[in-house]
């Protein structure tokens, strides 16, 4: 048993953990831990482990209907960890923070044995850190009413799990697993087909390729292997139909008693996307979540005019938070407010996306006085309760004293123009002569500069003919480069999965902005409609749609040379945006 705990400890050290209290359960196969679906037979021992990185006191849960066979002390290990966040200013990626450092991971392990059959709930453990408590997730295990299991001896099959009826913006996980016999130790798969889903935003989930043991309620043990896992977020109301997932496999056929090759096929993946219920509240911006919060921060409340304040609005939760964009806020009229800096610290989890998104505004008061930044009211939709929930920030009181006098440029110029000479001044004639002298001197240099510049312009233009088509192409190239900045950033950092997502976002975002289309109306049919309205060439339209399909396909089917694949796709995206711009400007 001691060997099992040692193996578990080494196994968990391979992974990096966030600052949370993580929980894992393993079945025991001989002296080795194996992943499982939390199902066991009567009197079967299993391993429960907790991992954390914070300094604090661990408080174990109260185990009910379970006997502690063995308990390890708290062990420590060192591993690398990384934290990444994206900072966007005025729509441009200006900073990608990626901090790598060593973390000390602490592990507490129990070997447990059930005393009853049926469902057993293991309560949350706690980590006490100063004045705050961090809780783990509670876990349910299922104990089958049998003393031993039977081995699954059927041919493998492919199953998909997803929620088929969703509200627009509500997320579901799409998981594809293969169930096969533990006796077939030569089972292999290859050449998984691609799933093309329109009108749905997709976030791939990195899943372990480990084999997991499963025990059914009738005590039949099998292996399951996850081959596909992603988070789906629908962006358009209607029915979404996709072809089944297919994968080629080599397995032992228990009917004919020999090995064979065959294509495993899942059921069709059909989604029904519903409208959000009416009436939609005023301060709703498309966020669909079961858990969400908002708060605001200000770096100071007392300052002088023309000094800057940092005002942050911080959103935290799960769901489609990664799609949240800045919206109009109310500030005092005498405040000069700049476009927010966006810090995106969202992640893709097993069940949904989540994390934190921060909008940081730089504010400069221009008048003295006492001002109030009012509370921000925000509504999100909870698909579980099917209700809109209003949350809000607190208001902030700001005291502004008189500082440097702020005067806009045009006001300064006007005030200078209105300064008159004193009529009775004995120096007025001298001042007038000085003014005339300066005016003639200034005019001389202006005329001289105009002659020189005119000659240079004539010389340059005489050397080359100005091609209007080339000018249009240069302008279009600037637009394409601006749109694809994030994708180029991913290429530079070798971020393969994020690269194709950014290309797809850029194309859809360009199309939506160019033709003034709401995100809920985006589809490939809409591309046909609006491109035809603007008489854009059929070849250009087909290339645009084809590139969207390539992004969906290449994200899950990387070539051997990933960098070459990304460079080629980036160049194609730039060219297609240039083509669309050129076609529009010709009309």
Protein backbone atom coordinates (compact mmCIF):
# COMPACT_ATOMS: atom_id res chain seq x y z
CA UNK A 1 0.00 0.00 0.00
CA UNK A 2 2.92 2.34 0.71
CA UNK A 3 4.12 1.80 -2.88
CA UNK A 4 0.73 2.92 -4.17
CA UNK A 5 0.91 6.22 -2.28
CA UNK A 6 4.46 6.81 -3.52
CA UNK A 7 3.38 6.15 -7.11
CA UNK A 8 0.43 8.50 -6.72
CA UNK A 9 2.71 11.22 -5.33
CA UNK A 10 5.13 10.94 -8.26
CA UNK A 11 2.22 10.84 -10.71
CA UNK A 12 0.69 14.09 -9.47
CA UNK A 13 4.05 15.91 -9.51
CA UNK A 14 4.04 15.81 -13.30
CA UNK A 15 1.30 18.42 -13.41
CA UNK A 16 1.05 22.07 -12.42
CA UNK A 17 -1.81 23.32 -10.28
CA UNK A 18 -3.36 26.72 -9.86
CA UNK A 19 -3.79 28.28 -6.43
CA UNK A 20 -6.76 26.10 -5.57
CA UNK A 21 -7.48 22.91 -3.65
CA UNK A 22 -7.61 20.24 -6.38
CA UNK A 23 -9.10 16.77 -5.94
CA UNK A 24 -8.39 13.51 -7.80
CA UNK A 25 -9.68 9.94 -7.41
CA UNK A 26 -7.89 6.82 -8.67
CA UNK A 27 -8.73 3.14 -8.76
CA UNK A 28 -5.99 0.67 -7.80
CA UNK A 29 -4.77 -1.84 -10.38
CA UNK A 30 -2.19 -4.05 -8.64
CA UNK A 31 0.26 -1.49 -7.26
CA UNK A 32 -0.53 1.21 -9.83
CA UNK A 33 -3.14 3.98 -9.80
CA UNK A 34 -5.44 4.21 -12.81
CA UNK A 35 -7.92 6.90 -13.75
CA UNK A 36 -11.55 5.94 -13.27
CA UNK A 37 -15.09 7.27 -13.51
CA UNK A 38 -15.55 7.22 -9.70
CA UNK A 39 -17.39 3.87 -9.83
CA UNK A 40 -16.27 0.90 -7.69
CA UNK A 41 -17.51 -2.48 -6.48
CA UNK A 42 -18.17 -3.47 -2.86
CA UNK A 43 -15.12 -3.35 -0.57
CA UNK A 44 -12.89 -2.06 -3.38
CA UNK A 45 -10.17 0.28 -2.15
CA UNK A 46 -9.54 3.55 -3.97
CA UNK A 47 -7.24 6.56 -3.62
CA UNK A 48 -8.34 10.12 -2.86
CA UNK A 49 -5.73 12.89 -3.18
CA UNK A 50 -5.68 16.64 -2.60
CA UNK A 51 -3.15 19.05 -4.17
CA UNK A 52 -2.51 22.73 -3.46
CA UNK A 53 0.22 25.37 -3.74
CA UNK A 54 -0.82 27.94 -1.10
CA UNK A 55 0.63 28.09 2.40
CA UNK A 56 -2.07 27.15 4.87
CA UNK A 57 -3.59 24.54 7.16
CA UNK A 58 -5.29 21.59 5.47
CA UNK A 59 -8.59 20.48 7.03
CA UNK A 60 -9.74 17.02 5.91
CA UNK A 61 -13.42 16.33 5.20
CA UNK A 62 -15.52 14.17 7.48
CA UNK A 63 -15.68 10.80 5.76
CA UNK A 64 -19.05 9.07 6.06
CA UNK A 65 -19.64 5.45 4.93
CA UNK A 66 -15.90 5.21 4.19
CA UNK A 67 -13.05 3.65 6.17
CA UNK A 68 -9.58 5.21 6.06
CA UNK A 69 -7.23 2.31 5.27
CA UNK A 70 -4.13 4.47 4.98
CA UNK A 71 -3.32 8.18 5.25
CA UNK A 72 -0.13 9.89 4.07
CA UNK A 73 1.48 12.94 5.56
CA UNK A 74 1.61 16.15 3.54
CA UNK A 75 4.28 15.76 0.88
CA UNK A 76 5.98 18.55 -1.06
CA UNK A 77 7.31 18.67 -4.60
CA UNK A 78 8.62 21.38 -6.91
CA UNK A 79 7.38 21.92 -10.42
CA UNK A 80 7.21 24.67 -13.04
CA UNK A 81 4.04 26.65 -13.48
CA UNK A 82 2.97 29.39 -15.81
CA UNK A 83 0.41 32.17 -15.84
CA UNK A 84 -0.66 33.90 -19.03
CA UNK A 85 -2.80 36.96 -19.62
CA UNK A 86 -3.59 39.14 -22.63
CA UNK A 87 -3.63 42.94 -22.41
CA UNK A 88 -5.46 44.91 -25.12
CA UNK A 89 -5.35 48.70 -25.49
CA UNK A 90 -7.61 50.40 -28.05
CA UNK A 91 -8.21 47.07 -29.74
CA UNK A 92 -4.48 46.28 -30.04
CA UNK A 93 -2.59 43.54 -28.23
CA UNK A 94 0.16 45.42 -26.43
CA UNK A 95 1.30 42.86 -23.88
CA UNK A 96 1.12 39.12 -23.42
CA UNK A 97 2.21 38.41 -19.84
CA UNK A 98 3.66 34.96 -19.40
CA UNK A 99 5.29 34.37 -16.04
CA UNK A 100 7.04 31.08 -15.45
CA UNK A 101 8.27 30.12 -12.01
CA UNK A 102 8.71 27.21 -9.68
CA UNK A 103 5.82 26.23 -7.42
CA UNK A 104 5.81 24.04 -4.36
CA UNK A 105 2.96 21.54 -4.69
CA UNK A 106 1.67 19.91 -1.52
CA UNK A 107 -0.16 16.58 -1.65
CA UNK A 108 -2.33 14.79 0.89
CA UNK A 109 -3.44 11.23 0.06
CA UNK A 110 -5.97 8.77 1.52
CA UNK A 111 -6.69 5.13 0.71
CA UNK A 112 -10.41 4.58 1.40
CA UNK A 113 -12.76 1.61 1.48
CA UNK A 114 -16.58 1.89 1.22
CA UNK A 115 -18.89 0.38 3.84
CA UNK A 116 -22.12 0.54 1.82
CA UNK A 117 -23.36 0.39 -1.77
CA UNK A 118 -24.96 3.18 -3.79
CA UNK A 119 -23.93 6.82 -3.98
CA UNK A 120 -21.50 8.17 -1.37
CA UNK A 121 -20.75 11.88 -1.13
CA UNK A 122 -17.31 13.02 -0.01
CA UNK A 123 -17.64 16.58 1.39
CA UNK A 124 -15.28 19.41 0.48
CA UNK A 125 -11.91 19.68 2.19
CA UNK A 126 -10.67 23.11 3.32
CA UNK A 127 -7.43 25.06 3.23
CA UNK A 128 -7.23 27.80 5.88
CA UNK A 129 -5.03 30.70 4.72
CA UNK A 130 -4.91 33.61 7.18
CA UNK A 131 -8.52 34.81 7.33
CA UNK A 132 -9.83 33.11 4.19
CA UNK A 133 -10.83 29.52 3.46
CA UNK A 134 -10.37 27.74 0.13
CA UNK A 135 -12.67 24.78 -0.43
CA UNK A 136 -12.24 21.84 -2.78
CA UNK A 137 -15.11 20.43 -4.81
CA UNK A 138 -17.23 17.78 -3.13
CA UNK A 139 -17.11 14.40 -4.92
CA UNK A 140 -19.66 11.66 -5.47
CA UNK A 141 -18.56 8.04 -5.84
CA UNK A 142 -20.85 5.17 -6.81
CA UNK A 143 -20.46 1.72 -5.23
CA UNK A 144 -21.99 -1.07 -7.33
CA UNK A 145 -23.87 -3.84 -5.51
CA UNK A 146 -21.57 -6.69 -6.53
CA UNK A 147 -18.50 -8.42 -5.11
CA UNK A 148 -16.67 -8.61 -8.44
CA UNK A 149 -17.12 -7.25 -11.93
CA UNK A 150 -17.49 -8.86 -15.31
CA UNK A 151 -15.28 -7.90 -18.24
CA UNK A 152 -16.90 -6.09 -21.16
CA UNK A 153 -16.59 -8.41 -24.18
CA UNK A 154 -18.41 -6.51 -26.90
CA UNK A 155 -17.10 -4.63 -29.91
CA UNK A 156 -16.05 -1.01 -29.28
CA UNK A 157 -18.43 1.84 -29.92
CA UNK A 158 -18.16 5.61 -30.11
CA UNK A 159 -20.41 7.75 -27.92
CA UNK A 160 -20.83 11.53 -27.71
CA UNK A 161 -22.06 13.53 -24.72
CA UNK A 162 -23.52 17.03 -25.07
CA UNK A 163 -26.57 19.09 -24.13
CA UNK A 164 -28.81 19.22 -27.18
CA UNK A 165 -31.09 22.14 -26.22
CA UNK A 166 -29.41 25.44 -25.36
CA UNK A 167 -30.07 29.14 -25.07
CA UNK A 168 -28.02 31.39 -27.32
CA UNK A 169 -24.75 32.07 -25.47
CA UNK A 170 -25.17 29.04 -23.17
CA UNK A 171 -22.21 26.67 -23.20
CA UNK A 172 -22.08 22.90 -23.41
CA UNK A 173 -19.18 20.48 -23.54
CA UNK A 174 -18.96 18.08 -26.46
CA UNK A 175 -17.09 14.90 -25.48
CA UNK A 176 -16.49 11.88 -27.70
CA UNK A 177 -15.35 8.64 -26.03
CA UNK A 178 -14.69 5.10 -27.21
CA UNK A 179 -15.73 2.22 -24.98
CA UNK A 180 -13.88 -1.06 -25.51
CA UNK A 181 -12.90 -4.31 -23.77
CA UNK A 182 -10.04 -4.47 -21.22
CA UNK A 183 -9.11 -7.80 -22.83
CA UNK A 184 -8.26 -6.04 -26.10
CA UNK A 185 -4.79 -4.73 -25.22
CA UNK A 186 -3.96 -4.03 -28.89
CA UNK A 187 -6.86 -1.68 -29.52
CA UNK A 188 -5.81 1.27 -31.74
CA UNK A 189 -7.42 4.31 -33.36
CA UNK A 190 -6.35 6.78 -36.05
CA UNK A 191 -7.65 9.28 -38.65
CA UNK A 192 -10.38 10.99 -36.66
CA UNK A 193 -12.78 12.96 -38.85
CA UNK A 194 -13.39 16.67 -38.37
CA UNK A 195 -16.60 18.08 -36.92
CA UNK A 196 -17.77 21.22 -38.75
CA UNK A 197 -20.33 23.18 -36.70
CA UNK A 198 -21.70 26.45 -38.07
CA UNK A 199 -22.93 29.37 -35.92
CA UNK A 200 -21.15 28.01 -32.85
CA UNK A 201 -18.02 29.38 -31.19
CA UNK A 202 -15.67 26.51 -30.28
CA UNK A 203 -12.98 26.27 -27.59
CA UNK A 204 -10.92 23.05 -27.74
CA UNK A 205 -10.15 21.44 -24.36
CA UNK A 206 -6.79 19.75 -23.96
CA UNK A 207 -7.63 16.29 -22.67
CA UNK A 208 -5.38 13.56 -21.36
CA UNK A 209 -5.06 10.56 -23.62
CA UNK A 210 -4.98 8.25 -20.62
CA UNK A 211 -7.31 5.29 -20.60
CA UNK A 212 -9.97 5.43 -17.91
CA UNK A 213 -11.67 2.49 -16.21
CA UNK A 214 -15.47 2.47 -16.09
CA UNK A 215 -17.86 0.19 -14.21
CA UNK A 216 -21.53 0.15 -15.20
CA UNK A 217 -24.36 -0.23 -12.68
CA UNK A 218 -24.67 -3.89 -13.66
CA UNK A 219 -20.98 -4.41 -12.73
CA UNK A 220 -19.43 -4.64 -16.19
CA UNK A 221 -15.92 -3.16 -16.40
CA UNK A 222 -14.65 -1.52 -19.58
CA UNK A 223 -12.02 0.94 -20.78
CA UNK A 224 -12.96 4.37 -22.12
CA UNK A 225 -10.72 6.62 -24.18
CA UNK A 226 -11.53 10.31 -24.80
CA UNK A 227 -10.76 11.31 -28.39
CA UNK A 228 -12.48 14.69 -28.60
CA UNK A 229 -13.37 17.41 -26.07
CA UNK A 230 -14.42 21.00 -26.71
CA UNK A 231 -16.67 23.74 -25.32
CA UNK A 232 -19.44 24.97 -27.65
CA UNK A 233 -20.99 28.45 -27.40
CA UNK A 234 -23.88 29.04 -29.85
CA UNK A 235 -24.04 32.53 -31.37
CA UNK A 236 -27.19 32.19 -33.50
CA UNK A 237 -30.72 30.95 -32.83
CA UNK A 238 -31.92 27.91 -34.79
CA UNK A 239 -31.11 24.27 -35.43
CA UNK A 240 -27.50 23.14 -35.79
CA UNK A 241 -27.03 19.79 -37.55
CA UNK A 242 -23.63 18.19 -38.06
CA UNK A 243 -22.46 14.92 -39.50
CA UNK A 244 -21.43 12.13 -37.08
CA UNK A 245 -17.88 11.87 -35.80
CA UNK A 246 -15.92 9.02 -37.40
CA UNK A 247 -12.64 7.33 -36.49
CA UNK A 248 -10.80 4.35 -37.91
CA UNK A 249 -10.03 1.61 -35.37
CA UNK A 250 -8.32 -1.77 -35.16
CA UNK A 251 -9.86 -4.09 -32.56
CA UNK A 252 -10.64 -7.69 -31.65
CA UNK A 253 -14.10 -8.66 -32.86
CA UNK A 254 -15.61 -10.92 -30.20
CA UNK A 255 -18.24 -12.16 -32.66
CA UNK A 256 -15.87 -13.58 -35.26
CA UNK A 257 -12.99 -14.11 -32.78
CA UNK A 258 -10.31 -12.24 -34.73
CA UNK A 259 -8.90 -8.77 -35.27
CA UNK A 260 -10.44 -6.41 -37.80
CA UNK A 261 -10.36 -2.83 -39.01
CA UNK A 262 -13.49 -0.75 -39.05
CA UNK A 263 -14.75 2.83 -38.91
CA UNK A 264 -16.51 3.71 -35.67
CA UNK A 265 -19.26 6.28 -36.08
CA UNK A 266 -21.10 8.35 -33.46
CA UNK A 267 -24.70 9.50 -33.54
CA UNK A 268 -25.50 12.77 -35.29
CA UNK A 269 -24.75 15.90 -33.29
CA UNK A 270 -27.88 18.07 -33.35
CA UNK A 271 -28.29 21.25 -31.32
CA UNK A 272 -31.46 23.30 -30.86
CA UNK A 273 -30.61 26.92 -30.00
CA UNK A 274 -33.33 29.01 -28.32
CA UNK A 275 -33.83 32.76 -28.00
CA UNK A 276 -33.30 34.28 -24.57
CA UNK A 277 -36.61 34.94 -22.80
CA UNK A 278 -38.33 38.32 -23.07
CA UNK A 279 -38.24 40.98 -21.77
CA UNK A 280 -34.49 41.44 -21.96
CA UNK A 281 -33.37 43.93 -19.25
CA UNK A 282 -31.69 47.23 -20.07
CA UNK A 283 -28.21 46.44 -18.77
CA UNK A 284 -27.83 43.04 -20.45
CA UNK A 285 -24.79 42.66 -22.73
CA UNK A 286 -25.04 39.01 -23.80
CA UNK A 287 -23.43 37.28 -20.80
CA UNK A 288 -24.90 33.83 -20.06
CA UNK A 289 -23.56 32.26 -16.87
CA UNK A 290 -24.50 30.26 -13.79
CA UNK A 291 -22.02 32.18 -11.65
CA UNK A 292 -20.90 35.76 -12.26
CA UNK A 293 -19.73 38.82 -10.32
CA UNK A 294 -18.70 42.42 -10.95
CA UNK A 295 -16.75 44.92 -8.89
CA UNK A 296 -15.03 48.25 -9.48
CA UNK A 297 -11.81 49.74 -8.12
CA UNK A 298 -10.31 53.22 -8.16
CA UNK A 299 -6.71 54.01 -7.28
CA UNK A 300 -7.48 57.26 -5.44
CA UNK A 301 -10.40 59.48 -4.49
CA UNK A 302 -8.64 62.80 -3.86
CA UNK A 303 -6.65 64.61 -6.56
CA UNK A 304 -6.21 67.84 -8.52
CA UNK A 305 -7.54 68.84 -11.91
CA UNK A 306 -5.67 67.40 -14.94
CA UNK A 307 -4.33 64.49 -12.85
CA UNK A 308 -5.24 60.95 -13.91
CA UNK A 309 -7.29 58.31 -12.11
CA UNK A 310 -7.25 54.58 -12.86
CA UNK A 311 -10.79 53.15 -12.73
CA UNK A 312 -11.17 49.37 -13.12
CA UNK A 313 -14.28 47.31 -13.77
CA UNK A 314 -13.53 43.65 -12.98
CA UNK A 315 -15.77 40.79 -14.17
CA UNK A 316 -15.30 37.28 -12.81
CA UNK A 317 -17.25 34.12 -13.51
CA UNK A 318 -17.89 31.25 -15.85
CA UNK A 319 -19.67 31.00 -19.18
CA UNK A 320 -19.14 33.19 -22.23
CA UNK A 321 -17.16 35.84 -20.30
CA UNK A 322 -14.50 35.74 -23.04
CA UNK A 323 -17.05 37.33 -25.42
CA UNK A 324 -17.77 40.31 -23.14
CA UNK A 325 -16.78 43.65 -24.69
CA UNK A 326 -16.62 47.17 -23.14
CA UNK A 327 -19.99 48.94 -22.97
CA UNK A 328 -21.01 52.53 -22.31
CA UNK A 329 -20.51 53.73 -18.73
CA UNK A 330 -21.75 56.90 -17.06
CA UNK A 331 -19.14 59.40 -15.85
CA UNK A 332 -19.37 63.07 -14.75
CA UNK A 333 -19.47 65.35 -17.81
CA UNK A 334 -16.30 67.23 -16.79
CA UNK A 335 -14.24 64.00 -16.79
CA UNK A 336 -12.13 63.18 -19.82
CA UNK A 337 -12.36 59.38 -20.28
CA UNK A 338 -10.03 57.35 -22.51
CA UNK A 339 -10.76 54.00 -24.17
CA UNK A 340 -10.26 51.14 -21.70
CA UNK A 341 -7.30 48.80 -21.53
CA UNK A 342 -8.65 45.22 -21.62
CA UNK A 343 -6.92 42.52 -19.56
CA UNK A 344 -8.18 39.06 -20.50
CA UNK A 345 -7.37 36.31 -17.97
CA UNK A 346 -9.96 33.77 -19.11
CA UNK A 347 -9.35 30.04 -19.42
CA UNK A 348 -10.94 26.99 -21.02
CA UNK A 349 -12.03 24.45 -18.38
CA UNK A 350 -13.46 20.96 -18.69
CA UNK A 351 -17.09 22.13 -18.53
CA UNK A 352 -16.99 25.75 -19.72
CA UNK A 353 -14.84 28.82 -20.13
CA UNK A 354 -14.30 31.20 -17.23
CA UNK A 355 -11.90 33.50 -15.46
CA UNK A 356 -11.51 37.26 -15.11
CA UNK A 357 -11.81 40.14 -17.54
CA UNK A 358 -10.83 43.69 -16.56
CA UNK A 359 -11.64 47.00 -18.26
CA UNK A 360 -9.29 49.72 -16.98
CA UNK A 361 -10.24 53.34 -17.78
CA UNK A 362 -7.91 56.31 -17.47
CA UNK A 363 -9.93 59.33 -16.29
CA UNK A 364 -8.80 62.97 -16.04
CA UNK A 365 -11.03 65.46 -14.15
CA UNK A 366 -10.96 68.94 -15.75
CA UNK A 367 -12.94 70.88 -13.11
CA UNK A 368 -12.69 71.12 -9.35
CA UNK A 369 -15.48 69.92 -7.07
CA UNK A 370 -16.96 66.80 -5.52
CA UNK A 371 -18.07 64.17 -8.04
CA UNK A 372 -19.64 60.72 -8.01
CA UNK A 373 -18.93 57.83 -10.36
CA UNK A 374 -22.29 56.05 -10.11
CA UNK A 375 -22.73 52.34 -9.56
CA UNK A 376 -22.61 50.10 -12.63
CA UNK A 377 -25.66 47.90 -13.07
CA UNK A 378 -25.09 44.68 -14.99
CA UNK A 379 -27.48 41.87 -15.92
CA UNK A 380 -26.58 38.33 -16.91
CA UNK A 381 -28.79 35.37 -17.80
CA UNK A 382 -28.65 32.19 -15.70
CA UNK A 383 -29.66 29.25 -17.96
CA UNK A 384 -30.21 26.98 -14.94
CA UNK A 385 -32.86 29.18 -13.31
CA UNK A 386 -33.88 30.71 -16.67
CA UNK A 387 -33.83 34.16 -15.07
CA UNK A 388 -31.93 37.41 -15.53
CA UNK A 389 -29.85 38.36 -12.49
CA UNK A 390 -28.84 41.96 -11.77
CA UNK A 391 -25.54 42.68 -10.04
CA UNK A 392 -23.87 46.03 -9.45
CA UNK A 393 -20.72 47.77 -8.29
CA UNK A 394 -20.49 50.39 -5.56
CA UNK A 395 -20.39 54.11 -6.35
CA UNK A 396 -17.17 56.12 -5.88
CA UNK A 397 -16.96 59.64 -4.41
CA UNK A 398 -14.12 61.79 -5.79
CA UNK A 399 -12.86 65.13 -4.48
CA UNK A 400 -11.06 67.28 -7.06
CA UNK A 401 -9.03 70.39 -6.11
CA UNK A 402 -7.86 73.06 -8.51
CA UNK A 403 -4.57 72.13 -10.13
CA UNK A 404 -2.96 73.28 -13.35
CA UNK A 405 -5.35 75.30 -15.51
CA UNK A 406 -6.45 73.16 -18.43
CA UNK A 407 -7.03 75.05 -21.67
CA UNK A 408 -7.81 73.30 -24.96
CA UNK A 409 -5.59 74.17 -27.93
CA UNK A 410 -8.27 76.07 -29.86
CA UNK A 411 -9.08 78.20 -26.78
CA UNK A 412 -5.41 79.10 -26.36
CA UNK A 413 -5.12 80.21 -29.98
CA UNK A 414 -8.28 82.32 -29.79
CA UNK A 415 -7.13 84.02 -26.61
CA UNK A 416 -3.83 84.96 -28.24
CA UNK A 417 -5.59 86.37 -31.29
CA UNK A 418 -7.77 88.56 -29.09
CA UNK A 419 -4.83 90.26 -27.36
CA UNK A 420 -4.84 93.92 -28.58
CA UNK A 421 -2.06 96.46 -28.35
CA UNK A 422 -2.61 99.30 -25.88
CA UNK A 423 -3.73 102.31 -27.98
CA UNK A 424 -1.88 104.94 -25.98
CA UNK A 425 1.28 102.98 -25.39
CA UNK A 426 4.51 104.71 -26.41
CA UNK A 427 5.86 101.32 -27.45
CA UNK A 428 3.00 100.55 -29.83
CA UNK A 429 4.78 101.78 -32.99
CA UNK A 430 7.93 99.81 -32.13
CA UNK A 431 5.88 96.70 -31.45
CA UNK A 432 4.02 97.12 -34.76
CA UNK A 433 7.30 97.42 -36.71
CA UNK A 434 8.66 94.30 -34.98
CA UNK A 435 5.47 92.43 -35.86
CA UNK A 436 5.66 93.45 -39.56
CA UNK A 437 9.33 92.46 -39.71
CA UNK A 438 8.63 89.05 -38.19
CA UNK A 439 5.66 88.54 -40.54
CA UNK A 440 7.73 89.20 -43.66
CA UNK A 441 10.52 86.96 -42.39
CA UNK A 442 8.08 84.15 -41.64
CA UNK A 443 6.37 84.52 -45.04
CA UNK A 444 9.71 84.36 -46.83
CA UNK A 445 10.63 81.04 -45.26
CA UNK A 446 7.15 79.61 -45.93
CA UNK A 447 7.34 80.49 -49.65
CA UNK A 448 10.86 79.09 -49.85
CA UNK A 449 9.75 75.81 -48.22
CA UNK A 450 6.76 75.50 -50.59
CA UNK A 451 9.04 75.86 -53.64
CA UNK A 452 11.45 73.18 -52.37
CA UNK A 453 8.65 70.74 -51.44
CA UNK A 454 6.90 71.29 -54.80
CA UNK A 455 10.11 70.50 -56.65
CA UNK A 456 10.65 67.30 -54.61
CA UNK A 457 7.07 66.13 -55.19
CA UNK A 458 7.36 66.80 -58.92
CA UNK A 459 10.68 64.94 -59.05
CA UNK A 460 9.31 61.86 -57.23
CA UNK A 461 6.12 61.70 -59.28
CA UNK A 462 8.03 62.08 -62.53
CA UNK A 463 10.11 59.02 -61.63
CA UNK A 464 7.13 56.76 -61.21
CA UNK A 465 3.57 56.72 -62.42
CA UNK A 466 0.91 56.73 -59.70
CA UNK A 467 -1.19 53.63 -60.01
CA UNK A 468 -4.64 54.02 -58.34
CA UNK A 469 -4.98 50.23 -58.07
CA UNK A 470 -1.71 50.06 -56.16
CA UNK A 471 -2.88 52.84 -53.81
CA UNK A 472 -6.09 50.94 -53.07
CA UNK A 473 -4.09 47.80 -52.41
CA UNK A 474 -1.80 49.60 -49.95
CA UNK A 475 -4.80 50.89 -47.98
CA UNK A 476 -6.36 47.42 -48.02
CA UNK A 477 -3.09 45.88 -46.82
CA UNK A 478 -3.05 48.24 -43.82
CA UNK A 479 -6.58 47.15 -42.90
CA UNK A 480 -5.66 43.45 -43.21
CA UNK A 481 -2.49 43.81 -41.11
CA UNK A 482 -4.43 45.63 -38.37
CA UNK A 483 -7.14 42.94 -38.31
CA UNK A 484 -4.66 40.06 -38.15
CA UNK A 485 -2.36 41.52 -35.47
CA UNK A 486 -3.46 39.03 -32.79
CA UNK A 487 -2.98 36.07 -35.14
CA UNK A 488 0.52 37.30 -36.04
CA UNK A 489 1.26 37.50 -32.31
CA UNK A 490 0.19 33.84 -31.88
CA UNK A 491 2.39 32.82 -34.83
CA UNK A 492 5.37 34.58 -33.27
CA UNK A 493 4.82 32.70 -29.98
CA UNK A 494 4.07 29.33 -31.62
CA UNK A 495 0.54 29.21 -30.14
CA UNK A 496 -0.99 26.84 -32.70
CA UNK A 497 -4.51 26.36 -31.27
CA UNK A 498 -5.00 30.06 -30.45
CA UNK A 499 -3.68 31.08 -33.90
CA UNK A 500 -6.53 29.54 -35.91
CA UNK A 501 -9.06 30.82 -33.38
CA UNK A 502 -7.68 34.37 -33.87
CA UNK A 503 -7.76 34.04 -37.68
CA UNK A 504 -11.40 32.93 -37.48
CA UNK A 505 -12.23 35.78 -35.06
CA UNK A 506 -10.51 38.30 -37.34
CA UNK A 507 -12.43 37.18 -40.43
CA UNK A 508 -15.80 37.15 -38.66
CA UNK A 509 -15.01 40.46 -36.92
CA UNK A 510 -13.94 42.10 -40.20
CA UNK A 511 -17.11 40.88 -41.93
CA UNK A 512 -19.37 42.05 -39.07
CA UNK A 513 -17.75 45.52 -38.86
CA UNK A 514 -17.54 46.07 -42.61
CA UNK A 515 -21.17 45.22 -43.28
CA UNK A 516 -22.54 46.39 -39.86
CA UNK A 517 -23.95 43.00 -38.83
CA UNK A 518 -24.81 41.87 -35.28
CA UNK A 519 -22.90 38.85 -33.98
CA UNK A 520 -26.17 36.93 -33.59
CA UNK A 521 -26.72 37.16 -37.37
CA UNK A 522 -23.28 35.88 -38.41
CA UNK A 523 -23.36 32.82 -40.66
CA UNK A 524 -21.98 31.65 -43.97
CA UNK A 525 -25.40 32.28 -45.51
CA UNK A 526 -25.10 35.92 -44.39
CA UNK A 527 -21.74 36.14 -46.15
CA UNK A 528 -23.41 35.02 -49.40
CA UNK A 529 -26.20 37.58 -48.96
CA UNK A 530 -24.05 40.64 -48.20
CA UNK A 531 -21.24 39.83 -50.63
CA UNK A 532 -23.83 39.47 -53.41
CA UNK A 533 -25.46 42.78 -52.40
CA UNK A 534 -22.12 44.59 -52.79
CA UNK A 535 -21.35 42.75 -56.06
CA UNK A 536 -18.19 41.20 -54.65
CA UNK A 537 -16.69 38.64 -57.01
CA UNK A 538 -17.91 35.05 -56.57
CA UNK A 539 -14.31 33.85 -56.43
CA UNK A 540 -13.56 36.25 -53.56
CA UNK A 541 -16.67 35.12 -51.68
CA UNK A 542 -15.78 31.43 -52.11
CA UNK A 543 -12.20 32.08 -50.93
CA UNK A 544 -13.49 33.88 -47.81
CA UNK A 545 -15.84 31.00 -46.83
CA UNK A 546 -13.20 28.41 -47.72
CA UNK A 547 -10.68 30.03 -45.38
CA UNK A 548 -13.18 29.93 -42.49
CA UNK A 549 -13.62 26.19 -43.11
CA UNK A 550 -9.84 25.70 -43.27
CA UNK A 551 -9.45 27.39 -39.86
CA UNK A 552 -12.00 25.02 -38.31
CA UNK A 553 -10.28 22.02 -39.91
CA UNK A 554 -6.62 22.95 -39.32
CA UNK A 555 -7.17 23.72 -35.63
CA UNK A 556 -7.74 20.01 -35.01
CA UNK A 557 -5.56 18.58 -37.82
CA UNK A 558 -2.10 20.09 -37.54
CA UNK A 559 0.39 19.37 -40.32
CA UNK A 560 3.91 18.19 -39.64
CA UNK A 561 5.31 21.70 -40.13
CA UNK A 562 3.01 23.80 -37.93
CA UNK A 563 4.87 27.08 -38.47
CA UNK A 564 4.64 26.75 -42.25
CA UNK A 565 0.94 25.91 -41.91
CA UNK A 566 0.31 29.03 -39.78
CA UNK A 567 2.37 31.32 -42.06
CA UNK A 568 0.48 30.10 -45.13
CA UNK A 569 -2.91 30.60 -43.45
CA UNK A 570 -1.97 34.10 -42.22
CA UNK A 571 -0.92 35.13 -45.73
CA UNK A 572 -4.16 33.74 -47.18
CA UNK A 573 -6.22 35.65 -44.60
CA UNK A 574 -4.40 38.89 -45.41
CA UNK A 575 -4.92 38.41 -49.15
CA UNK A 576 -8.64 37.64 -48.82
CA UNK A 577 -9.27 40.79 -46.73
CA UNK A 578 -7.33 42.80 -49.35
CA UNK A 579 -9.46 41.25 -52.12
CA UNK A 580 -12.72 42.13 -50.35
CA UNK A 581 -11.55 45.70 -49.67
CA UNK A 582 -10.43 46.12 -53.28
CA UNK A 583 -13.75 44.83 -54.64
CA UNK A 584 -15.72 47.19 -52.39
CA UNK A 585 -13.64 50.26 -53.30
CA UNK A 586 -14.05 49.59 -57.02
CA UNK A 587 -17.85 50.04 -56.76
